[in-house]
Amino acid sequence: MATTHAAVGLTLAAPLVLVAPELATAAAVGALAGGVFPDVDLFVGVHRKTLHFPVYYSVAAAVFGAVAVASPSTVTVGVALFFLSAGLHSASDWLGAGDELRPWDRTSDRAVYVHPARRWLRPRYLVRYDGAPEDLALTLLFSVPGFLAFSGGVRVAVAVGVAVALFYTGFRKRMPEWFGI
């Protein structure tokens, strides 16, 4: 679930509220955007291949993280957290189900594409499928640090994310039939 990835990303940004509060909002925005961005390939290209780059995002996170440490600003910190969150999203999709519309059927052997290796990683099913109860539990767990650390719009985004996750989990298994797929 994109909400899980966003919550995990926001958890990475939460310590900045204490360490560098002037950079915390930029870190939160970058982390939330990076947590969601790879899933845009649901609508363009091949899901979990077109915008999922576990290796490249991680390298970019290391580079921009070093830049952010050397020259901290809202831009460098936001970009570093974007790539860190996008990299973690892309890599963690390997731990879930495949890329199929009904992942509980386990018909796909494609979890995430690793571009440098030119191959798909097989799903690990630690989270059975997006929207599974354990996925919701992860969203709830990782939403706590962001909700407690931030206020204002970021806190509202966390609450909206939790509401979306609750709805999605409640209706996930019915969605393929609703949309005729």
N, C-alpha and C. Protein backbone atom coordinates (compact mmCIF):
# COMPACT_ATOMS: atom_id res chain seq x y z
N MET A 1 0.84 -1.18 0.00
CA MET A 1 0.00 0.00 0.00
C MET A 1 0.89 1.24 0.00
N ALA A 2 0.55 2.16 -0.82
CA ALA A 2 1.30 3.42 -0.87
C ALA A 2 1.28 4.11 0.49
N THR A 3 0.20 3.93 1.24
CA THR A 3 0.13 4.56 2.56
C THR A 3 1.18 3.99 3.51
N THR A 4 1.46 2.71 3.39
CA THR A 4 2.51 2.10 4.22
C THR A 4 3.86 2.69 3.86
N HIS A 5 4.14 2.77 2.55
CA HIS A 5 5.41 3.32 2.11
C HIS A 5 5.57 4.78 2.53
N ALA A 6 4.49 5.54 2.44
CA ALA A 6 4.54 6.95 2.86
C ALA A 6 4.80 7.05 4.36
N ALA A 7 4.14 6.21 5.15
CA ALA A 7 4.33 6.24 6.60
C ALA A 7 5.76 5.84 6.98
N VAL A 8 6.31 4.86 6.30
CA VAL A 8 7.70 4.46 6.56
C VAL A 8 8.64 5.62 6.23
N GLY A 9 8.42 6.25 5.09
CA GLY A 9 9.24 7.39 4.72
C GLY A 9 9.16 8.50 5.74
N LEU A 10 7.96 8.79 6.20
CA LEU A 10 7.78 9.85 7.20
C LEU A 10 8.47 9.50 8.51
N THR A 11 8.50 8.23 8.85
CA THR A 11 9.21 7.79 10.05
C THR A 11 10.70 8.13 9.94
N LEU A 12 11.25 8.01 8.72
CA LEU A 12 12.65 8.37 8.50
C LEU A 12 12.89 9.86 8.71
N ALA A 13 11.89 10.67 8.39
CA ALA A 13 12.02 12.12 8.50
C ALA A 13 11.74 12.63 9.91
N ALA A 14 11.03 11.89 10.71
CA ALA A 14 10.59 12.36 12.04
C ALA A 14 11.72 12.82 12.95
N PRO A 15 12.87 12.17 12.98
CA PRO A 15 13.93 12.65 13.88
C PRO A 15 14.40 14.08 13.60
N LEU A 16 14.19 14.56 12.41
CA LEU A 16 14.62 15.92 12.10
C LEU A 16 13.84 16.97 12.89
N VAL A 17 12.66 16.61 13.37
CA VAL A 17 11.90 17.55 14.20
C VAL A 17 12.73 17.93 15.43
N LEU A 18 13.49 16.98 15.96
CA LEU A 18 14.32 17.25 17.14
C LEU A 18 15.71 17.77 16.77
N VAL A 19 16.28 17.24 15.70
CA VAL A 19 17.67 17.54 15.33
C VAL A 19 17.79 18.85 14.55
N ALA A 20 16.91 19.04 13.60
CA ALA A 20 16.95 20.23 12.73
C ALA A 20 15.52 20.63 12.38
N PRO A 21 14.81 21.21 13.33
CA PRO A 21 13.39 21.50 13.11
C PRO A 21 13.12 22.38 11.90
N GLU A 22 14.07 23.24 11.54
CA GLU A 22 13.89 24.10 10.37
C GLU A 22 13.90 23.32 9.06
N LEU A 23 14.39 22.09 9.09
CA LEU A 23 14.44 21.24 7.89
C LEU A 23 13.40 20.12 7.92
N ALA A 24 12.70 19.97 9.02
CA ALA A 24 11.81 18.84 9.23
C ALA A 24 10.66 18.79 8.23
N THR A 25 10.04 19.91 7.95
CA THR A 25 8.92 19.91 7.01
C THR A 25 9.37 19.52 5.61
N ALA A 26 10.51 20.05 5.18
CA ALA A 26 11.04 19.68 3.86
C ALA A 26 11.37 18.19 3.81
N ALA A 27 11.92 17.67 4.91
CA ALA A 27 12.22 16.24 4.99
C ALA A 27 10.94 15.43 4.91
N ALA A 28 9.90 15.88 5.61
CA ALA A 28 8.61 15.17 5.61
C ALA A 28 7.99 15.16 4.21
N VAL A 29 8.00 16.30 3.56
CA VAL A 29 7.42 16.38 2.21
C VAL A 29 8.20 15.49 1.25
N GLY A 30 9.53 15.55 1.32
CA GLY A 30 10.36 14.70 0.46
C GLY A 30 10.12 13.22 0.73
N ALA A 31 10.05 12.85 2.00
CA ALA A 31 9.84 11.45 2.38
C ALA A 31 8.47 10.94 1.95
N LEU A 32 7.44 11.75 2.16
CA LEU A 32 6.09 11.34 1.75
C LEU A 32 6.02 11.18 0.22
N ALA A 33 6.57 12.15 -0.50
CA ALA A 33 6.56 12.07 -1.97
C ALA A 33 7.35 10.87 -2.46
N GLY A 34 8.52 10.64 -1.87
CA GLY A 34 9.33 9.49 -2.27
C GLY A 34 8.69 8.17 -1.93
N GLY A 35 7.93 8.14 -0.84
CA GLY A 35 7.24 6.91 -0.46
C GLY A 35 6.13 6.54 -1.41
N VAL A 36 5.53 7.53 -2.03
CA VAL A 36 4.40 7.29 -2.94
C VAL A 36 4.85 7.20 -4.41
N PHE A 37 5.85 7.98 -4.78
CA PHE A 37 6.24 8.15 -6.19
C PHE A 37 6.42 6.85 -6.99
N PRO A 38 7.13 5.84 -6.49
CA PRO A 38 7.30 4.64 -7.32
C PRO A 38 5.99 4.01 -7.79
N ASP A 39 4.92 4.16 -7.02
CA ASP A 39 3.65 3.55 -7.40
C ASP A 39 2.91 4.31 -8.49
N VAL A 40 3.44 5.44 -8.93
CA VAL A 40 2.86 6.12 -10.09
C VAL A 40 2.93 5.20 -11.31
N ASP A 41 3.86 4.24 -11.29
CA ASP A 41 3.95 3.32 -12.43
C ASP A 41 2.78 2.34 -12.49
N LEU A 42 1.86 2.42 -11.55
CA LEU A 42 0.60 1.69 -11.70
C LEU A 42 -0.19 2.24 -12.89
N PHE A 43 0.03 3.52 -13.18
CA PHE A 43 -0.74 4.20 -14.21
C PHE A 43 0.04 4.41 -15.50
N VAL A 44 1.35 4.36 -15.43
CA VAL A 44 2.20 4.54 -16.62
C VAL A 44 3.30 3.47 -16.60
N GLY A 45 3.44 2.77 -17.68
CA GLY A 45 4.51 1.78 -17.78
C GLY A 45 4.16 0.46 -17.14
N VAL A 46 5.20 -0.24 -16.70
CA VAL A 46 5.07 -1.56 -16.09
C VAL A 46 5.23 -1.40 -14.58
N HIS A 47 4.18 -1.80 -13.84
CA HIS A 47 4.23 -1.64 -12.39
C HIS A 47 5.40 -2.41 -11.80
N ARG A 48 6.07 -1.76 -10.88
CA ARG A 48 7.24 -2.27 -10.17
C ARG A 48 8.46 -2.44 -11.07
N LYS A 49 8.42 -1.80 -12.25
CA LYS A 49 9.60 -1.77 -13.10
C LYS A 49 9.89 -0.35 -13.58
N THR A 50 8.87 0.34 -14.09
CA THR A 50 9.07 1.65 -14.71
C THR A 50 9.60 2.68 -13.72
N LEU A 51 9.06 2.74 -12.52
CA LEU A 51 9.49 3.74 -11.54
C LEU A 51 10.00 3.13 -10.24
N HIS A 52 10.20 1.83 -10.21
CA HIS A 52 10.78 1.17 -9.05
C HIS A 52 12.27 0.91 -9.33
N PHE A 53 13.13 1.59 -8.59
CA PHE A 53 14.57 1.47 -8.79
C PHE A 53 15.25 1.26 -7.44
N PRO A 54 15.19 0.04 -6.90
CA PRO A 54 15.76 -0.16 -5.56
C PRO A 54 17.26 0.19 -5.49
N VAL A 55 17.99 -0.10 -6.54
CA VAL A 55 19.43 0.18 -6.53
C VAL A 55 19.70 1.65 -6.82
N TYR A 56 19.12 2.16 -7.88
CA TYR A 56 19.42 3.54 -8.29
C TYR A 56 18.93 4.58 -7.28
N TYR A 57 17.75 4.38 -6.73
CA TYR A 57 17.27 5.32 -5.70
C TYR A 57 18.19 5.27 -4.47
N SER A 58 18.65 4.08 -4.12
CA SER A 58 19.51 3.95 -2.95
C SER A 58 20.85 4.65 -3.17
N VAL A 59 21.41 4.53 -4.36
CA VAL A 59 22.65 5.24 -4.69
C VAL A 59 22.39 6.75 -4.64
N ALA A 60 21.29 7.19 -5.23
CA ALA A 60 20.95 8.61 -5.21
C ALA A 60 20.74 9.10 -3.78
N ALA A 61 20.14 8.26 -2.92
CA ALA A 61 19.94 8.63 -1.52
C ALA A 61 21.28 8.82 -0.82
N ALA A 62 22.24 7.94 -1.10
CA ALA A 62 23.57 8.07 -0.49
C ALA A 62 24.25 9.35 -0.95
N VAL A 63 24.19 9.63 -2.25
CA VAL A 63 24.82 10.83 -2.80
C VAL A 63 24.15 12.09 -2.23
N PHE A 64 22.82 12.16 -2.34
CA PHE A 64 22.13 13.35 -1.86
C PHE A 64 22.15 13.44 -0.34
N GLY A 65 22.23 12.30 0.34
CA GLY A 65 22.39 12.33 1.79
C GLY A 65 23.71 12.96 2.18
N ALA A 66 24.78 12.61 1.46
CA ALA A 66 26.09 13.22 1.72
C ALA A 66 26.04 14.72 1.44
N VAL A 67 25.38 15.10 0.36
CA VAL A 67 25.24 16.52 0.03
C VAL A 67 24.45 17.23 1.14
N ALA A 68 23.39 16.60 1.62
CA ALA A 68 22.57 17.21 2.67
C ALA A 68 23.35 17.36 3.97
N VAL A 69 24.21 16.41 4.28
CA VAL A 69 25.03 16.52 5.49
C VAL A 69 26.06 17.64 5.32
N ALA A 70 26.66 17.72 4.14
CA ALA A 70 27.69 18.73 3.87
C ALA A 70 27.10 20.14 3.75
N SER A 71 25.90 20.21 3.18
CA SER A 71 25.28 21.52 2.94
C SER A 71 23.78 21.43 3.19
N PRO A 72 23.39 21.36 4.45
CA PRO A 72 21.97 21.16 4.76
C PRO A 72 21.12 22.37 4.36
N SER A 73 20.07 22.07 3.63
CA SER A 73 19.08 23.08 3.26
C SER A 73 17.76 22.36 3.06
N THR A 74 16.70 23.11 2.90
CA THR A 74 15.41 22.46 2.68
C THR A 74 15.44 21.64 1.40
N VAL A 75 16.12 22.12 0.38
CA VAL A 75 16.18 21.39 -0.89
C VAL A 75 17.00 20.12 -0.77
N THR A 76 18.23 20.22 -0.22
CA THR A 76 19.09 19.03 -0.16
C THR A 76 18.50 17.97 0.75
N VAL A 77 17.94 18.38 1.88
CA VAL A 77 17.35 17.41 2.81
C VAL A 77 16.08 16.80 2.21
N GLY A 78 15.25 17.62 1.60
CA GLY A 78 14.03 17.09 0.98
C GLY A 78 14.34 16.10 -0.13
N VAL A 79 15.32 16.42 -0.97
CA VAL A 79 15.70 15.51 -2.07
C VAL A 79 16.31 14.23 -1.52
N ALA A 80 17.16 14.35 -0.50
CA ALA A 80 17.76 13.15 0.10
C ALA A 80 16.70 12.23 0.67
N LEU A 81 15.72 12.80 1.38
CA LEU A 81 14.65 11.98 1.96
C LEU A 81 13.73 11.42 0.88
N PHE A 82 13.54 12.14 -0.21
CA PHE A 82 12.76 11.62 -1.33
C PHE A 82 13.40 10.33 -1.84
N PHE A 83 14.70 10.40 -2.15
CA PHE A 83 15.37 9.22 -2.71
C PHE A 83 15.49 8.08 -1.70
N LEU A 84 15.72 8.42 -0.44
CA LEU A 84 15.79 7.38 0.59
C LEU A 84 14.44 6.66 0.70
N SER A 85 13.38 7.41 0.74
CA SER A 85 12.04 6.83 0.86
C SER A 85 11.66 6.04 -0.40
N ALA A 86 11.96 6.58 -1.57
CA ALA A 86 11.66 5.87 -2.83
C ALA A 86 12.48 4.58 -2.93
N GLY A 87 13.72 4.63 -2.49
CA GLY A 87 14.56 3.42 -2.51
C GLY A 87 14.05 2.36 -1.56
N LEU A 88 13.66 2.78 -0.37
CA LEU A 88 13.11 1.82 0.59
C LEU A 88 11.80 1.24 0.10
N HIS A 89 10.95 2.07 -0.49
CA HIS A 89 9.70 1.58 -1.09
C HIS A 89 10.00 0.52 -2.13
N SER A 90 10.89 0.84 -3.06
CA SER A 90 11.19 -0.08 -4.16
C SER A 90 11.77 -1.39 -3.66
N ALA A 91 12.66 -1.32 -2.69
CA ALA A 91 13.27 -2.54 -2.16
C ALA A 91 12.28 -3.35 -1.33
N SER A 92 11.44 -2.66 -0.55
CA SER A 92 10.52 -3.40 0.33
C SER A 92 9.39 -4.08 -0.43
N ASP A 93 9.11 -3.66 -1.65
CA ASP A 93 8.10 -4.37 -2.44
C ASP A 93 8.49 -5.82 -2.69
N TRP A 94 9.76 -6.12 -2.59
CA TRP A 94 10.25 -7.49 -2.73
C TRP A 94 9.72 -8.37 -1.59
N LEU A 95 9.44 -7.77 -0.44
CA LEU A 95 9.00 -8.53 0.72
C LEU A 95 7.51 -8.88 0.67
N GLY A 96 6.80 -8.28 -0.27
CA GLY A 96 5.36 -8.52 -0.36
C GLY A 96 5.02 -9.51 -1.46
N ALA A 97 3.86 -9.30 -2.03
CA ALA A 97 3.33 -10.19 -3.07
C ALA A 97 3.85 -9.75 -4.44
N GLY A 98 3.39 -10.46 -5.45
CA GLY A 98 3.75 -10.12 -6.82
C GLY A 98 2.95 -8.94 -7.31
N ASP A 99 3.13 -8.64 -8.59
CA ASP A 99 2.54 -7.43 -9.18
C ASP A 99 1.16 -7.67 -9.80
N GLU A 100 0.54 -8.81 -9.51
CA GLU A 100 -0.74 -9.12 -10.13
C GLU A 100 -1.91 -8.39 -9.46
N LEU A 101 -3.06 -8.35 -10.14
CA LEU A 101 -4.24 -7.66 -9.64
C LEU A 101 -4.88 -8.37 -8.45
N ARG A 102 -4.73 -9.68 -8.41
CA ARG A 102 -5.24 -10.49 -7.30
C ARG A 102 -4.05 -11.21 -6.65
N PRO A 103 -3.24 -10.48 -5.90
CA PRO A 103 -2.00 -11.07 -5.39
C PRO A 103 -2.20 -12.22 -4.42
N TRP A 104 -3.38 -12.35 -3.83
CA TRP A 104 -3.65 -13.45 -2.91
C TRP A 104 -3.70 -14.78 -3.67
N ASP A 105 -3.86 -14.73 -5.01
CA ASP A 105 -3.82 -15.95 -5.82
C ASP A 105 -2.39 -16.41 -6.10
N ARG A 106 -1.42 -15.55 -5.88
CA ARG A 106 0.01 -15.86 -6.06
C ARG A 106 0.31 -16.42 -7.45
N THR A 107 -0.11 -15.69 -8.48
CA THR A 107 0.11 -16.12 -9.86
C THR A 107 1.32 -15.47 -10.51
N SER A 108 1.95 -14.53 -9.83
CA SER A 108 3.08 -13.83 -10.42
C SER A 108 4.36 -14.14 -9.66
N ASP A 109 5.45 -14.25 -10.40
CA ASP A 109 6.76 -14.43 -9.78
C ASP A 109 7.58 -13.15 -9.87
N ARG A 110 6.89 -12.02 -10.09
CA ARG A 110 7.58 -10.73 -10.26
C ARG A 110 7.22 -9.77 -9.12
N ALA A 111 8.15 -9.58 -8.20
CA ALA A 111 7.92 -8.65 -7.09
C ALA A 111 8.42 -7.25 -7.47
N VAL A 112 9.67 -7.15 -7.82
CA VAL A 112 10.26 -5.87 -8.21
C VAL A 112 11.41 -6.14 -9.16
N TYR A 113 11.58 -5.24 -10.12
CA TYR A 113 12.62 -5.39 -11.14
C TYR A 113 13.90 -4.70 -10.66
N VAL A 114 15.02 -5.40 -10.80
CA VAL A 114 16.32 -4.84 -10.45
C VAL A 114 17.03 -4.53 -11.76
N HIS A 115 17.05 -3.26 -12.11
CA HIS A 115 17.55 -2.83 -13.42
C HIS A 115 19.01 -3.20 -13.67
N PRO A 116 19.95 -2.99 -12.74
CA PRO A 116 21.34 -3.36 -13.04
C PRO A 116 21.52 -4.85 -13.30
N ALA A 117 20.71 -5.69 -12.65
CA ALA A 117 20.80 -7.14 -12.84
C ALA A 117 19.93 -7.61 -14.00
N ARG A 118 19.06 -6.74 -14.49
CA ARG A 118 18.13 -7.05 -15.58
C ARG A 118 17.29 -8.29 -15.28
N ARG A 119 16.73 -8.30 -14.06
CA ARG A 119 15.88 -9.44 -13.68
C ARG A 119 14.89 -9.02 -12.60
N TRP A 120 13.83 -9.82 -12.50
CA TRP A 120 12.81 -9.63 -11.48
C TRP A 120 13.18 -10.42 -10.24
N LEU A 121 12.93 -9.86 -9.09
CA LEU A 121 13.03 -10.60 -7.84
C LEU A 121 11.69 -11.26 -7.57
N ARG A 122 11.73 -12.47 -7.04
CA ARG A 122 10.50 -13.19 -6.71
C ARG A 122 9.90 -12.65 -5.41
N PRO A 123 8.57 -12.63 -5.32
CA PRO A 123 7.92 -12.14 -4.09
C PRO A 123 8.28 -13.01 -2.89
N ARG A 124 8.37 -12.38 -1.73
CA ARG A 124 8.69 -13.09 -0.48
C ARG A 124 7.45 -13.32 0.39
N TYR A 125 6.38 -12.58 0.17
CA TYR A 125 5.10 -12.74 0.86
C TYR A 125 5.18 -12.56 2.38
N LEU A 126 6.12 -11.78 2.88
CA LEU A 126 6.09 -11.45 4.30
C LEU A 126 4.84 -10.62 4.61
N VAL A 127 4.44 -9.81 3.64
CA VAL A 127 3.13 -9.17 3.64
C VAL A 127 2.40 -9.84 2.48
N ARG A 128 1.31 -10.54 2.76
CA ARG A 128 0.67 -11.39 1.75
C ARG A 128 0.26 -10.65 0.49
N TYR A 129 -0.23 -9.43 0.64
CA TYR A 129 -0.63 -8.61 -0.50
C TYR A 129 -0.87 -7.19 -0.01
N ASP A 130 -0.87 -6.23 -0.94
CA ASP A 130 -1.15 -4.85 -0.56
C ASP A 130 -2.60 -4.77 -0.08
N GLY A 131 -2.78 -4.16 1.06
CA GLY A 131 -4.11 -4.07 1.64
C GLY A 131 -4.46 -5.23 2.56
N ALA A 132 -3.54 -6.15 2.77
CA ALA A 132 -3.77 -7.25 3.72
C ALA A 132 -3.77 -6.67 5.14
N PRO A 133 -4.37 -7.38 6.08
CA PRO A 133 -4.40 -6.87 7.46
C PRO A 133 -3.00 -6.55 8.01
N GLU A 134 -2.00 -7.34 7.67
CA GLU A 134 -0.66 -7.06 8.16
C GLU A 134 -0.08 -5.81 7.50
N ASP A 135 -0.51 -5.50 6.30
CA ASP A 135 -0.10 -4.26 5.64
C ASP A 135 -0.71 -3.07 6.38
N LEU A 136 -1.98 -3.18 6.73
CA LEU A 136 -2.64 -2.14 7.52
C LEU A 136 -1.92 -1.97 8.87
N ALA A 137 -1.56 -3.07 9.50
CA ALA A 137 -0.85 -2.99 10.79
C ALA A 137 0.46 -2.21 10.63
N LEU A 138 1.17 -2.45 9.54
CA LEU A 138 2.41 -1.71 9.29
C LEU A 138 2.13 -0.22 9.06
N THR A 139 1.07 0.09 8.34
CA THR A 139 0.70 1.49 8.14
C THR A 139 0.41 2.15 9.48
N LEU A 140 -0.35 1.48 10.31
CA LEU A 140 -0.69 2.05 11.63
C LEU A 140 0.56 2.22 12.49
N LEU A 141 1.41 1.22 12.52
CA LEU A 141 2.64 1.27 13.31
C LEU A 141 3.55 2.41 12.86
N PHE A 142 3.79 2.50 11.56
CA PHE A 142 4.70 3.53 11.06
C PHE A 142 4.07 4.91 10.97
N SER A 143 2.77 5.01 11.15
CA SER A 143 2.12 6.32 11.18
C SER A 143 2.32 7.02 12.53
N VAL A 144 2.56 6.27 13.56
CA VAL A 144 2.67 6.84 14.90
C VAL A 144 3.81 7.86 15.00
N PRO A 145 5.05 7.53 14.60
CA PRO A 145 6.13 8.52 14.75
C PRO A 145 5.85 9.83 14.01
N GLY A 146 5.36 9.75 12.78
CA GLY A 146 5.06 10.95 12.02
C GLY A 146 3.93 11.76 12.64
N PHE A 147 2.92 11.05 13.12
CA PHE A 147 1.79 11.74 13.74
C PHE A 147 2.21 12.46 15.02
N LEU A 148 3.06 11.82 15.80
CA LEU A 148 3.51 12.42 17.06
C LEU A 148 4.55 13.52 16.85
N ALA A 149 5.41 13.35 15.87
CA ALA A 149 6.50 14.31 15.67
C ALA A 149 6.06 15.59 14.98
N PHE A 150 5.14 15.47 14.04
CA PHE A 150 4.76 16.62 13.22
C PHE A 150 3.41 17.17 13.65
N SER A 151 3.13 18.36 13.19
CA SER A 151 1.82 18.97 13.42
C SER A 151 1.33 19.51 12.08
N GLY A 152 0.20 20.19 12.12
CA GLY A 152 -0.30 20.87 10.93
C GLY A 152 -0.59 19.94 9.77
N GLY A 153 -0.18 20.37 8.57
CA GLY A 153 -0.49 19.65 7.35
C GLY A 153 0.09 18.24 7.30
N VAL A 154 1.26 18.06 7.88
CA VAL A 154 1.87 16.71 7.88
C VAL A 154 1.02 15.77 8.73
N ARG A 155 0.59 16.24 9.87
CA ARG A 155 -0.27 15.41 10.74
C ARG A 155 -1.59 15.09 10.03
N VAL A 156 -2.14 16.06 9.33
CA VAL A 156 -3.37 15.83 8.56
C VAL A 156 -3.11 14.77 7.48
N ALA A 157 -1.97 14.86 6.80
CA ALA A 157 -1.62 13.87 5.77
C ALA A 157 -1.54 12.47 6.36
N VAL A 158 -0.99 12.35 7.56
CA VAL A 158 -0.92 11.05 8.24
C VAL A 158 -2.34 10.54 8.52
N ALA A 159 -3.19 11.38 9.04
CA ALA A 159 -4.56 10.97 9.35
C ALA A 159 -5.32 10.56 8.09
N VAL A 160 -5.14 11.31 7.02
CA VAL A 160 -5.78 10.96 5.74
C VAL A 160 -5.23 9.63 5.24
N GLY A 161 -3.92 9.44 5.34
CA GLY A 161 -3.31 8.18 4.93
C GLY A 161 -3.86 6.99 5.69
N VAL A 162 -4.03 7.14 6.98
CA VAL A 162 -4.61 6.06 7.80
C VAL A 162 -6.05 5.79 7.37
N ALA A 163 -6.82 6.83 7.13
CA ALA A 163 -8.22 6.65 6.69
C ALA A 163 -8.27 5.92 5.34
N VAL A 164 -7.40 6.31 4.42
CA VAL A 164 -7.34 5.64 3.11
C VAL A 164 -6.94 4.18 3.29
N ALA A 165 -5.97 3.92 4.15
CA ALA A 165 -5.52 2.54 4.39
C ALA A 165 -6.63 1.69 4.98
N LEU A 166 -7.39 2.25 5.91
CA LEU A 166 -8.51 1.50 6.50
C LEU A 166 -9.55 1.15 5.43
N PHE A 167 -9.91 2.12 4.62
CA PHE A 167 -10.87 1.89 3.54
C PHE A 167 -10.33 0.85 2.55
N TYR A 168 -9.10 1.05 2.10
CA TYR A 168 -8.50 0.16 1.11
C TYR A 168 -8.43 -1.28 1.64
N THR A 169 -8.01 -1.43 2.88
CA THR A 169 -7.93 -2.77 3.46
C THR A 169 -9.31 -3.41 3.54
N GLY A 170 -10.30 -2.63 3.88
CA GLY A 170 -11.66 -3.16 3.99
C GLY A 170 -12.24 -3.64 2.68
N PHE A 171 -11.80 -3.04 1.58
CA PHE A 171 -12.42 -3.36 0.30
C PHE A 171 -11.44 -3.92 -0.74
N ARG A 172 -10.19 -4.16 -0.36
CA ARG A 172 -9.16 -4.56 -1.32
C ARG A 172 -9.55 -5.78 -2.15
N LYS A 173 -10.05 -6.81 -1.54
CA LYS A 173 -10.34 -8.05 -2.27
C LYS A 173 -11.53 -7.91 -3.22
N ARG A 174 -12.37 -6.90 -3.03
CA ARG A 174 -13.52 -6.68 -3.91
C ARG A 174 -13.18 -5.79 -5.10
N MET A 175 -12.10 -5.06 -5.02
CA MET A 175 -11.80 -4.06 -6.05
C MET A 175 -11.62 -4.64 -7.46
N PRO A 176 -10.96 -5.77 -7.64
CA PRO A 176 -10.85 -6.28 -9.02
C PRO A 176 -12.21 -6.54 -9.68
N GLU A 177 -13.16 -7.06 -8.92
CA GLU A 177 -14.49 -7.30 -9.51
C GLU A 177 -15.24 -6.01 -9.75
N TRP A 178 -15.07 -5.01 -8.87
CA TRP A 178 -15.72 -3.72 -9.06
C TRP A 178 -15.29 -3.05 -10.35
N PHE A 179 -14.01 -3.22 -10.67
CA PHE A 179 -13.46 -2.56 -11.86
C PHE A 179 -13.43 -3.50 -13.07
N GLY A 180 -14.04 -4.67 -12.93
CA GLY A 180 -14.15 -5.59 -14.05
C GLY A 180 -12.84 -6.19 -14.50
N ILE A 181 -11.94 -6.39 -13.59
CA ILE A 181 -10.64 -6.97 -13.94
C ILE A 181 -10.39 -8.27 -13.20
